Structures are given as C-alpha cells and as structure tokens.
Amino acid sequence: MRITVDEVLRDKLGGFQSHVELCDESGYVVGYFTPAADRSIYKDVQSPTSDEELDRRSRQGGGRPLREILDDLERRG
C-alpha cells in the first residue's frame, strides 16, 4: 500500500534522521516511520568483498537448517 503525503506532513517527517513513532491524539501508536536513506552517501563506498568472492559464497550454499538452529537455542535456553 502506498499513501501520498501532503507538503505539510512531508515537511514534518523530512527533518527526522531516525525511526519515528506515529501516534494519534490519545497517544495510541498507529505506526512507525523510517526515513528513506540518502543513497548519495554510499556512492563512493567500495565493498571489501570482490564480486568473485560473493559469487563463490552464493554457489557454496551451506549453513544449517532452521530447525537445527532452533533446537540448539532451546537446549541452551
């Protein structure tokens, strides 16, 4: 679902840099707002992991089944 905000609300929300809790007049939480990231801050960032290494990792597979992980956590619980 997408909601279009008017200029007033956009200006109110535009000043936030972190998550915001949205409440009605009685204080009931109706939702949360997460500002869109400014992607320009990442334009010059280079990953320390090569494309070849990422491909290798994706082909390798591995890991454990979720059931096994949950069972381990319950035993430690």
PDB file of N, CA and C in Angstrom:
ATOM      1  N   MET A   1       0.844  -1.173   0.000  1.00  0.00           N
ATOM      2  CA  MET A   1       0.000   0.000   0.000  1.00  0.00           C
ATOM      3  C   MET A   1       0.889   1.235   0.000  1.00  0.00           C
ATOM      4  N   ARG A   2       0.467   2.247  -0.671  1.00  0.00           N
ATOM      5  CA  ARG A   2       1.202   3.499  -0.728  1.00  0.00           C
ATOM      6  C   ARG A   2       0.265   4.640  -0.362  1.00  0.00           C
ATOM      7  N   ILE A   3       0.742   5.526   0.504  1.00  0.00           N
ATOM      8  CA  ILE A   3      -0.019   6.709   0.898  1.00  0.00           C
ATOM      9  C   ILE A   3       0.774   7.934   0.469  1.00  0.00           C
ATOM     10  N   THR A   4       0.125   8.840  -0.220  1.00  0.00           N
ATOM     11  CA  THR A   4       0.769  10.081  -0.626  1.00  0.00           C
ATOM     12  C   THR A   4       0.562  11.119   0.465  1.00  0.00           C
ATOM     13  N   VAL A   5       1.660  11.702   0.936  1.00  0.00           N
ATOM     14  CA  VAL A   5       1.574  12.704   1.996  1.00  0.00           C
ATOM     15  C   VAL A   5       1.556  14.101   1.389  1.00  0.00           C
ATOM     16  N   ASP A   6       0.878  15.005   2.083  1.00  0.00           N
ATOM     17  CA  ASP A   6       0.845  16.386   1.603  1.00  0.00           C
ATOM     18  C   ASP A   6       2.136  17.101   2.014  1.00  0.00           C
ATOM     19  N   GLU A   7       2.300  18.318   1.559  1.00  0.00           N
ATOM     20  CA  GLU A   7       3.523  19.067   1.802  1.00  0.00           C
ATOM     21  C   GLU A   7       3.776  19.306   3.293  1.00  0.00           C
ATOM     22  N   VAL A   8       2.715  19.558   4.049  1.00  0.00           N
ATOM     23  CA  VAL A   8       2.862  19.822   5.479  1.00  0.00           C
ATOM     24  C   VAL A   8       3.433  18.598   6.198  1.00  0.00           C
ATOM     25  N   LEU A   9       2.847  17.422   5.931  1.00  0.00           N
ATOM     26  CA  LEU A   9       3.338  16.208   6.582  1.00  0.00           C
ATOM     27  C   LEU A   9       4.743  15.861   6.091  1.00  0.00           C
ATOM     28  N   ARG A  10       4.989  16.036   4.814  1.00  0.00           N
ATOM     29  CA  ARG A  10       6.321  15.755   4.279  1.00  0.00           C
ATOM     30  C   ARG A  10       7.368  16.618   4.983  1.00  0.00           C
ATOM     31  N   ASP A  11       7.056  17.887   5.192  1.00  0.00           N
ATOM     32  CA  ASP A  11       7.991  18.776   5.886  1.00  0.00           C
ATOM     33  C   ASP A  11       8.205  18.344   7.327  1.00  0.00           C
ATOM     34  N   LYS A  12       7.137  17.879   7.988  1.00  0.00           N
ATOM     35  CA  LYS A  12       7.268  17.404   9.366  1.00  0.00           C
ATOM     36  C   LYS A  12       8.164  16.168   9.438  1.00  0.00           C
ATOM     37  N   LEU A  13       7.966  15.245   8.525  1.00  0.00           N
ATOM     38  CA  LEU A  13       8.716  13.994   8.550  1.00  0.00           C
ATOM     39  C   LEU A  13      10.112  14.138   7.964  1.00  0.00           C
ATOM     40  N   GLY A  14      10.300  15.117   7.104  1.00  0.00           N
ATOM     41  CA  GLY A  14      11.567  15.274   6.403  1.00  0.00           C
ATOM     42  C   GLY A  14      12.737  15.630   7.285  1.00  0.00           C
ATOM     43  N   GLY A  15      12.487  16.151   8.467  1.00  0.00           N
ATOM     44  CA  GLY A  15      13.574  16.541   9.346  1.00  0.00           C
ATOM     45  C   GLY A  15      14.133  15.422  10.196  1.00  0.00           C
ATOM     46  N   PHE A  16      13.530  14.249  10.150  1.00  0.00           N
ATOM     47  CA  PHE A  16      13.968  13.149  11.005  1.00  0.00           C
ATOM     48  C   PHE A  16      15.051  12.325  10.329  1.00  0.00           C
ATOM     49  N   GLN A  17      16.026  11.900  11.110  1.00  0.00           N
ATOM     50  CA  GLN A  17      17.124  11.084  10.595  1.00  0.00           C
ATOM     51  C   GLN A  17      17.047   9.641  11.092  1.00  0.00           C
ATOM     52  N   SER A  18      16.105   9.371  12.001  1.00  0.00           N
ATOM     53  CA  SER A  18      15.968   8.020  12.537  1.00  0.00           C
ATOM     54  C   SER A  18      14.487   7.662  12.613  1.00  0.00           C
ATOM     55  N   HIS A  19      14.206   6.456  13.097  1.00  0.00           N
ATOM     56  CA  HIS A  19      12.833   5.962  13.171  1.00  0.00           C
ATOM     57  C   HIS A  19      11.964   6.884  14.025  1.00  0.00           C
ATOM     58  N   VAL A  20      10.700   7.003  13.625  1.00  0.00           N
ATOM     59  CA  VAL A  20       9.750   7.859  14.328  1.00  0.00           C
ATOM     60  C   VAL A  20       8.502   7.047  14.636  1.00  0.00           C
ATOM     61  N   GLU A  21       7.992   7.167  15.859  1.00  0.00           N
ATOM     62  CA  GLU A  21       6.752   6.519  16.252  1.00  0.00           C
ATOM     63  C   GLU A  21       5.615   7.491  15.954  1.00  0.00           C
ATOM     64  N   LEU A  22       4.612   7.053  15.200  1.00  0.00           N
ATOM     65  CA  LEU A  22       3.466   7.889  14.870  1.00  0.00           C
ATOM     66  C   LEU A  22       2.300   7.521  15.776  1.00  0.00           C
ATOM     67  N   CYS A  23       1.749   8.519  16.483  1.00  0.00           N
ATOM     68  CA  CYS A  23       0.661   8.290  17.434  1.00  0.00           C
ATOM     69  C   CYS A  23      -0.532   9.178  17.096  1.00  0.00           C
ATOM     70  N   ASP A  24      -1.713   8.721  17.503  1.00  0.00           N
ATOM     71  CA  ASP A  24      -2.894   9.575  17.351  1.00  0.00           C
ATOM     72  C   ASP A  24      -2.969  10.517  18.551  1.00  0.00           C
ATOM     73  N   GLU A  25      -4.037  11.311  18.618  1.00  0.00           N
ATOM     74  CA  GLU A  25      -4.167  12.328  19.662  1.00  0.00           C
ATOM     75  C   GLU A  25      -4.190  11.750  21.072  1.00  0.00           C
ATOM     76  N   SER A  26      -4.636  10.492  21.210  1.00  0.00           N
ATOM     77  CA  SER A  26      -4.710   9.877  22.540  1.00  0.00           C
ATOM     78  C   SER A  26      -3.418   9.163  22.930  1.00  0.00           C
ATOM     79  N   GLY A  27      -2.434   9.170  22.045  1.00  0.00           N
ATOM     80  CA  GLY A  27      -1.168   8.517  22.342  1.00  0.00           C
ATOM     81  C   GLY A  27      -1.065   7.098  21.831  1.00  0.00           C
ATOM     82  N   TYR A  28      -2.121   6.605  21.173  1.00  0.00           N
ATOM     83  CA  TYR A  28      -2.111   5.251  20.605  1.00  0.00           C
ATOM     84  C   TYR A  28      -1.166   5.205  19.407  1.00  0.00           C
ATOM     85  N   VAL A  29      -0.255   4.243  19.415  1.00  0.00           N
ATOM     86  CA  VAL A  29       0.695   4.105  18.313  1.00  0.00           C
ATOM     87  C   VAL A  29      -0.043   3.558  17.093  1.00  0.00           C
ATOM     88  N   VAL A  30      -0.013   4.318  16.017  1.00  0.00           N
ATOM     89  CA  VAL A  30      -0.662   3.882  14.780  1.00  0.00           C
ATOM     90  C   VAL A  30       0.336   3.336  13.774  1.00  0.00           C
ATOM     91  N   GLY A  31       1.621   3.593  14.000  1.00  0.00           N
ATOM     92  CA  GLY A  31       2.619   3.064  13.092  1.00  0.00           C
ATOM     93  C   GLY A  31       3.987   3.673  13.332  1.00  0.00           C
ATOM     94  N   TYR A  32       4.885   3.323  12.440  1.00  0.00           N
ATOM     95  CA  TYR A  32       6.255   3.788  12.543  1.00  0.00           C
ATOM     96  C   TYR A  32       6.693   4.315  11.191  1.00  0.00           C
ATOM     97  N   PHE A  33       7.519   5.327  11.224  1.00  0.00           N
ATOM     98  CA  PHE A  33       8.050   5.930  10.000  1.00  0.00           C
ATOM     99  C   PHE A  33       9.561   5.766  10.012  1.00  0.00           C
ATOM    100  N   THR A  34      10.087   5.248   8.919  1.00  0.00           N
ATOM    101  CA  THR A  34      11.528   5.138   8.748  1.00  0.00           C
ATOM    102  C   THR A  34      11.921   5.995   7.556  1.00  0.00           C
ATOM    103  N   PRO A  35      12.728   7.020   7.776  1.00  0.00           N
ATOM    104  CA  PRO A  35      13.108   7.896   6.664  1.00  0.00           C
ATOM    105  C   PRO A  35      13.874   7.124   5.588  1.00  0.00           C
ATOM    106  N   ALA A  36      13.674   7.513   4.343  1.00  0.00           N
ATOM    107  CA  ALA A  36      14.418   6.906   3.248  1.00  0.00           C
ATOM    108  C   ALA A  36      15.889   7.278   3.397  1.00  0.00           C
ATOM    109  N   ALA A  37      16.748   6.319   3.126  1.00  0.00           N
ATOM    110  CA  ALA A  37      18.184   6.566   3.235  1.00  0.00           C
ATOM    111  C   ALA A  37      18.635   7.495   2.119  1.00  0.00           C
ATOM    112  N   ASP A  38      19.561   8.339   2.445  1.00  0.00           N
ATOM    113  CA  ASP A  38      20.177   9.204   1.437  1.00  0.00           C
ATOM    114  C   ASP A  38      21.236   8.372   0.731  1.00  0.00           C
ATOM    115  N   ARG A  39      20.891   7.799  -0.396  1.00  0.00           N
ATOM    116  CA  ARG A  39      21.786   6.875  -1.098  1.00  0.00           C
ATOM    117  C   ARG A  39      23.068   7.546  -1.584  1.00  0.00           C
ATOM    118  N   SER A  40      23.069   8.854  -1.674  1.00  0.00           N
ATOM    119  CA  SER A  40      24.268   9.540  -2.165  1.00  0.00           C
ATOM    120  C   SER A  40      25.458   9.350  -1.227  1.00  0.00           C
ATOM    121  N   ILE A  41      25.191   9.046   0.050  1.00  0.00           N
ATOM    122  CA  ILE A  41      26.312   8.856   0.978  1.00  0.00           C
ATOM    123  C   ILE A  41      27.080   7.572   0.684  1.00  0.00           C
ATOM    124  N   TYR A  42      26.514   6.683  -0.131  1.00  0.00           N
ATOM    125  CA  TYR A  42      27.174   5.418  -0.448  1.00  0.00           C
ATOM    126  C   TYR A  42      27.826   5.409  -1.820  1.00  0.00           C
ATOM    127  N   LYS A  43      27.770   6.509  -2.556  1.00  0.00           N
ATOM    128  CA  LYS A  43      28.219   6.494  -3.952  1.00  0.00           C
ATOM    129  C   LYS A  43      29.688   6.132  -4.115  1.00  0.00           C
ATOM    130  N   ASP A  44      30.537   6.489  -3.170  1.00  0.00           N
ATOM    131  CA  ASP A  44      31.969   6.204  -3.291  1.00  0.00           C
ATOM    132  C   ASP A  44      32.422   5.026  -2.438  1.00  0.00           C
ATOM    133  N   VAL A  45      31.488   4.312  -1.851  1.00  0.00           N
ATOM    134  CA  VAL A  45      31.834   3.185  -0.983  1.00  0.00           C
ATOM    135  C   VAL A  45      32.105   1.955  -1.839  1.00  0.00           C
ATOM    136  N   GLN A  46      33.200   1.311  -1.554  1.00  0.00           N
ATOM    137  CA  GLN A  46      33.567   0.083  -2.257  1.00  0.00           C
ATOM    138  C   GLN A  46      33.491  -1.084  -1.275  1.00  0.00           C
ATOM    139  N   SER A  47      32.875  -2.169  -1.709  1.00  0.00           N
ATOM    140  CA  SER A  47      32.787  -3.353  -0.862  1.00  0.00           C
ATOM    141  C   SER A  47      34.166  -3.986  -0.723  1.00  0.00           C
ATOM    142  N   PRO A  48      34.524  -4.419   0.470  1.00  0.00           N
ATOM    143  CA  PRO A  48      35.804  -5.109   0.637  1.00  0.00           C
ATOM    144  C   PRO A  48      35.773  -6.536   0.072  1.00  0.00           C
ATOM    145  N   THR A  49      34.588  -7.005  -0.283  1.00  0.00           N
ATOM    146  CA  THR A  49      34.430  -8.361  -0.821  1.00  0.00           C
ATOM    147  C   THR A  49      34.276  -8.289  -2.328  1.00  0.00           C
ATOM    148  N   SER A  50      35.120  -9.011  -3.046  1.00  0.00           N
ATOM    149  CA  SER A  50      35.083  -8.978  -4.511  1.00  0.00           C
ATOM    150  C   SER A  50      33.822  -9.651  -5.047  1.00  0.00           C
ATOM    151  N   ASP A  51      33.455  -9.300  -6.269  1.00  0.00           N
ATOM    152  CA  ASP A  51      32.309  -9.936  -6.923  1.00  0.00           C
ATOM    153  C   ASP A  51      32.523 -11.438  -7.038  1.00  0.00           C
ATOM    154  N   GLU A  52      33.763 -11.848  -7.308  1.00  0.00           N
ATOM    155  CA  GLU A  52      34.072 -13.274  -7.436  1.00  0.00           C
ATOM    156  C   GLU A  52      33.827 -14.001  -6.116  1.00  0.00           C
ATOM    157  N   GLU A  53      34.228 -13.369  -5.005  1.00  0.00           N
ATOM    158  CA  GLU A  53      34.023 -13.986  -3.697  1.00  0.00           C
ATOM    159  C   GLU A  53      32.532 -14.085  -3.373  1.00  0.00           C
ATOM    160  N   LEU A  54      31.778 -13.061  -3.707  1.00  0.00           N
ATOM    161  CA  LEU A  54      30.331 -13.104  -3.477  1.00  0.00           C
ATOM    162  C   LEU A  54      29.688 -14.208  -4.303  1.00  0.00           C
ATOM    163  N   ASP A  55      30.115 -14.361  -5.546  1.00  0.00           N
ATOM    164  CA  ASP A  55      29.601 -15.451  -6.396  1.00  0.00           C
ATOM    165  C   ASP A  55      29.941 -16.807  -5.788  1.00  0.00           C
ATOM    166  N   ARG A  56      31.180 -16.960  -5.333  1.00  0.00           N
ATOM    167  CA  ARG A  56      31.607 -18.231  -4.741  1.00  0.00           C
ATOM    168  C   ARG A  56      30.757 -18.564  -3.518  1.00  0.00           C
ATOM    169  N   ARG A  57      30.525 -17.574  -2.674  1.00  0.00           N
ATOM    170  CA  ARG A  57      29.732 -17.800  -1.469  1.00  0.00           C
ATOM    171  C   ARG A  57      28.302 -18.185  -1.812  1.00  0.00           C
ATOM    172  N   SER A  58      27.743 -17.560  -2.826  1.00  0.00           N
ATOM    173  CA  SER A  58      26.362 -17.867  -3.187  1.00  0.00           C
ATOM    174  C   SER A  58      26.247 -19.275  -3.769  1.00  0.00           C
ATOM    175  N   ARG A  59      27.263 -19.737  -4.491  1.00  0.00           N
ATOM    176  CA  ARG A  59      27.250 -21.095  -5.055  1.00  0.00           C
ATOM    177  C   ARG A  59      27.528 -22.146  -3.987  1.00  0.00           C
ATOM    178  N   GLN A  60      28.283 -21.769  -2.957  1.00  0.00           N
ATOM    179  CA  GLN A  60      28.695 -22.716  -1.929  1.00  0.00           C
ATOM    180  C   GLN A  60      27.517 -23.242  -1.127  1.00  0.00           C
ATOM    181  N   GLY A  61      26.522 -22.397  -0.900  1.00  0.00           N
ATOM    182  CA  GLY A  61      25.415 -22.848  -0.064  1.00  0.00           C
ATOM    183  C   GLY A  61      25.902 -23.031   1.359  1.00  0.00           C
ATOM    184  N   GLY A  62      25.378 -24.038   2.022  1.00  0.00           N
ATOM    185  CA  GLY A  62      25.851 -24.308   3.375  1.00  0.00           C
ATOM    186  C   GLY A  62      24.883 -23.806   4.419  1.00  0.00           C
ATOM    187  N   GLY A  63      25.402 -23.681   5.583  1.00  0.00           N
ATOM    188  CA  GLY A  63      24.555 -23.265   6.687  1.00  0.00           C
ATOM    189  C   GLY A  63      23.849 -24.463   7.296  1.00  0.00           C
ATOM    190  N   ARG A  64      22.988 -24.189   8.269  1.00  0.00           N
ATOM    191  CA  ARG A  64      22.243 -25.254   8.931  1.00  0.00           C
ATOM    192  C   ARG A  64      20.755 -25.011   8.749  1.00  0.00           C
ATOM    193  N   PRO A  65      19.965 -26.079   8.793  1.00  0.00           N
ATOM    194  CA  PRO A  65      18.512 -25.902   8.711  1.00  0.00           C
ATOM    195  C   PRO A  65      18.010 -25.116   9.928  1.00  0.00           C
ATOM    196  N   LEU A  66      16.994 -24.317   9.733  1.00  0.00           N
ATOM    197  CA  LEU A  66      16.428 -23.507  10.801  1.00  0.00           C
ATOM    198  C   LEU A  66      16.021 -24.371  11.989  1.00  0.00           C
ATOM    199  N   ARG A  67      15.432 -25.523  11.738  1.00  0.00           N
ATOM    200  CA  ARG A  67      15.001 -26.398  12.830  1.00  0.00           C
ATOM    201  C   ARG A  67      16.177 -26.755  13.733  1.00  0.00           C
ATOM    202  N   GLU A  68      17.318 -27.051  13.135  1.00  0.00           N
ATOM    203  CA  GLU A  68      18.509 -27.400  13.906  1.00  0.00           C
ATOM    204  C   GLU A  68      18.971 -26.219  14.761  1.00  0.00           C
ATOM    205  N   ILE A  69      18.956 -25.033  14.220  1.00  0.00           N
ATOM    206  CA  ILE A  69      19.350 -23.833  14.959  1.00  0.00           C
ATOM    207  C   ILE A  69      18.403 -23.598  16.127  1.00  0.00           C
ATOM    208  N   LEU A  70      17.087 -23.718  15.879  1.00  0.00           N
ATOM    209  CA  LEU A  70      16.110 -23.510  16.938  1.00  0.00           C
ATOM    210  C   LEU A  70      16.249 -24.556  18.051  1.00  0.00           C
ATOM    211  N   ASP A  71      16.503 -25.799  17.643  1.00  0.00           N
ATOM    212  CA  ASP A  71      16.716 -26.847  18.641  1.00  0.00           C
ATOM    213  C   ASP A  71      17.920 -26.544  19.517  1.00  0.00           C
ATOM    214  N   ASP A  72      19.011 -26.072  18.918  1.00  0.00           N
ATOM    215  CA  ASP A  72      20.200 -25.690  19.680  1.00  0.00           C
ATOM    216  C   ASP A  72      19.878 -24.570  20.667  1.00  0.00           C
ATOM    217  N   LEU A  73      19.135 -23.579  20.219  1.00  0.00           N
ATOM    218  CA  LEU A  73      18.794 -22.458  21.087  1.00  0.00           C
ATOM    219  C   LEU A  73      17.912 -22.897  22.247  1.00  0.00           C
ATOM    220  N   GLU A  74      16.987 -23.819  21.986  1.00  0.00           N
ATOM    221  CA  GLU A  74      16.123 -24.321  23.059  1.00  0.00           C
ATOM    222  C   GLU A  74      16.929 -25.104  24.088  1.00  0.00           C
ATOM    223  N   ARG A  75      17.902 -25.869  23.648  1.00  0.00           N
ATOM    224  CA  ARG A  75      18.754 -26.640  24.573  1.00  0.00           C
ATOM    225  C   ARG A  75      19.585 -25.714  25.449  1.00  0.00           C
ATOM    226  N   ARG A  76      20.003 -24.588  24.901  1.00  0.00           N
ATOM    227  CA  ARG A  76      20.824 -23.631  25.668  1.00  0.00           C
ATOM    228  C   ARG A  76      19.978 -22.793  26.609  1.00  0.00           C
ATOM    229  N   GLY A  77      18.670 -22.656  26.246  1.00  0.00           N
ATOM    230  CA  GLY A  77      17.717 -21.811  26.896  1.00  0.00           C
ATOM    231  C   GLY A  77      17.709 -21.743  28.339  1.00  0.00           C
TER     232      GLY A  77
END
